[in-house]
């Protein structure tokens, strides 16, 4: 969800797909959802520009706000990295 808690009016589901090289370096991503997709796209872009690995994404610090971003407990960007790490 793009807001927290997910019961807030106007909340939309979010989907994040991350693509990693065989060495675990982030090389691409896709985001689908509500109004906060822009900030997720920006985060993915910065991670790609800095050659971040899946392991570094786990410890990335994320600032959140209930009305504008997903919950810090299950942040979609980090959750997608965790899912990808299981497949690497």
Protein backbone atom coordinates (compact mmCIF):
# COMPACT_ATOMS: atom_id res chain seq x y z
CA UNK A 1 0.00 0.00 0.00
CA UNK A 2 1.21 3.51 -0.77
CA UNK A 3 0.12 4.96 2.59
CA UNK A 4 0.13 3.67 6.12
CA UNK A 5 -1.98 2.44 7.68
CA UNK A 6 -3.52 0.84 4.61
CA UNK A 7 -7.00 1.85 5.77
CA UNK A 8 -6.40 5.56 5.01
CA UNK A 9 -8.72 6.97 2.33
CA UNK A 10 -7.25 6.96 -1.17
CA UNK A 11 -4.70 4.24 -0.44
CA UNK A 12 -3.52 2.29 -3.50
CA UNK A 13 -1.66 -1.01 -3.77
CA UNK A 14 2.00 -0.87 -4.85
CA UNK A 15 4.01 -3.37 -6.86
CA UNK A 16 7.80 -3.18 -7.13
CA UNK A 17 9.96 -5.39 -9.33
CA UNK A 18 13.74 -5.19 -9.10
CA UNK A 19 16.23 -6.72 -11.52
CA UNK A 20 19.69 -7.72 -10.33
CA UNK A 21 22.78 -8.97 -12.12
CA UNK A 22 24.12 -12.42 -11.27
CA UNK A 23 26.48 -10.71 -8.82
CA UNK A 24 23.56 -9.07 -7.00
CA UNK A 25 23.97 -5.53 -8.37
CA UNK A 26 20.72 -3.66 -9.03
CA UNK A 27 20.40 -3.00 -12.78
CA UNK A 28 16.70 -2.18 -13.23
CA UNK A 29 13.31 -1.81 -11.66
CA UNK A 30 9.62 -1.31 -12.27
CA UNK A 31 6.99 0.33 -10.04
CA UNK A 32 3.21 0.27 -10.35
CA UNK A 33 0.74 1.96 -8.01
CA UNK A 34 -0.50 5.26 -6.65
CA UNK A 35 0.99 8.68 -6.09
CA UNK A 36 4.16 7.56 -4.34
CA UNK A 37 5.60 5.69 -7.33
CA UNK A 38 7.72 8.75 -8.15
CA UNK A 39 9.70 8.58 -4.93
CA UNK A 40 10.19 4.84 -5.38
CA UNK A 41 11.46 5.41 -8.94
CA UNK A 42 13.89 8.01 -7.58
CA UNK A 43 15.15 5.59 -4.92
CA UNK A 44 15.66 2.87 -7.53
CA UNK A 45 17.51 5.33 -9.81
CA UNK A 46 19.89 6.39 -7.04
CA UNK A 47 20.54 2.76 -6.12
CA UNK A 48 21.34 1.89 -9.75
CA UNK A 49 23.63 4.94 -10.16
CA UNK A 50 25.54 3.94 -7.04
CA UNK A 51 25.90 0.28 -8.03
CA UNK A 52 24.08 -0.90 -4.93
CA UNK A 53 23.91 -4.62 -4.26
CA UNK A 54 20.96 -6.51 -2.89
CA UNK A 55 22.74 -6.75 0.49
CA UNK A 56 23.17 -2.97 0.72
CA UNK A 57 19.48 -2.43 -0.02
CA UNK A 58 18.56 -4.37 3.13
CA UNK A 59 20.22 -1.76 5.33
CA UNK A 60 19.08 1.30 3.36
CA UNK A 61 17.51 3.96 5.57
CA UNK A 62 14.06 5.05 4.38
CA UNK A 63 12.17 8.12 5.57
CA UNK A 64 8.39 7.70 5.54
CA UNK A 65 5.25 9.73 6.18
CA UNK A 66 1.83 8.11 6.69
CA UNK A 67 0.02 10.20 4.08
CA UNK A 68 2.69 10.02 1.36
CA UNK A 69 4.65 6.76 1.56
CA UNK A 70 4.36 3.07 2.29
CA UNK A 71 4.92 1.72 5.78
CA UNK A 72 8.55 1.49 6.93
CA UNK A 73 7.77 -1.97 8.32
CA UNK A 74 7.11 -3.46 4.87
CA UNK A 75 8.60 -0.87 2.52
CA UNK A 76 8.04 -2.17 -1.04
CA UNK A 77 11.56 -1.36 -2.27
CA UNK A 78 13.23 -3.30 0.56
CA UNK A 79 10.63 -6.09 0.39
CA UNK A 80 11.34 -6.54 -3.33
CA UNK A 81 15.08 -6.72 -2.58
CA UNK A 82 14.46 -9.40 0.05
CA UNK A 83 12.38 -11.42 -2.43
CA UNK A 84 15.08 -11.08 -5.10
CA UNK A 85 17.84 -12.15 -2.68
CA UNK A 86 16.02 -15.44 -2.13
CA UNK A 87 16.25 -16.10 -5.88
CA UNK A 88 19.91 -15.16 -6.37
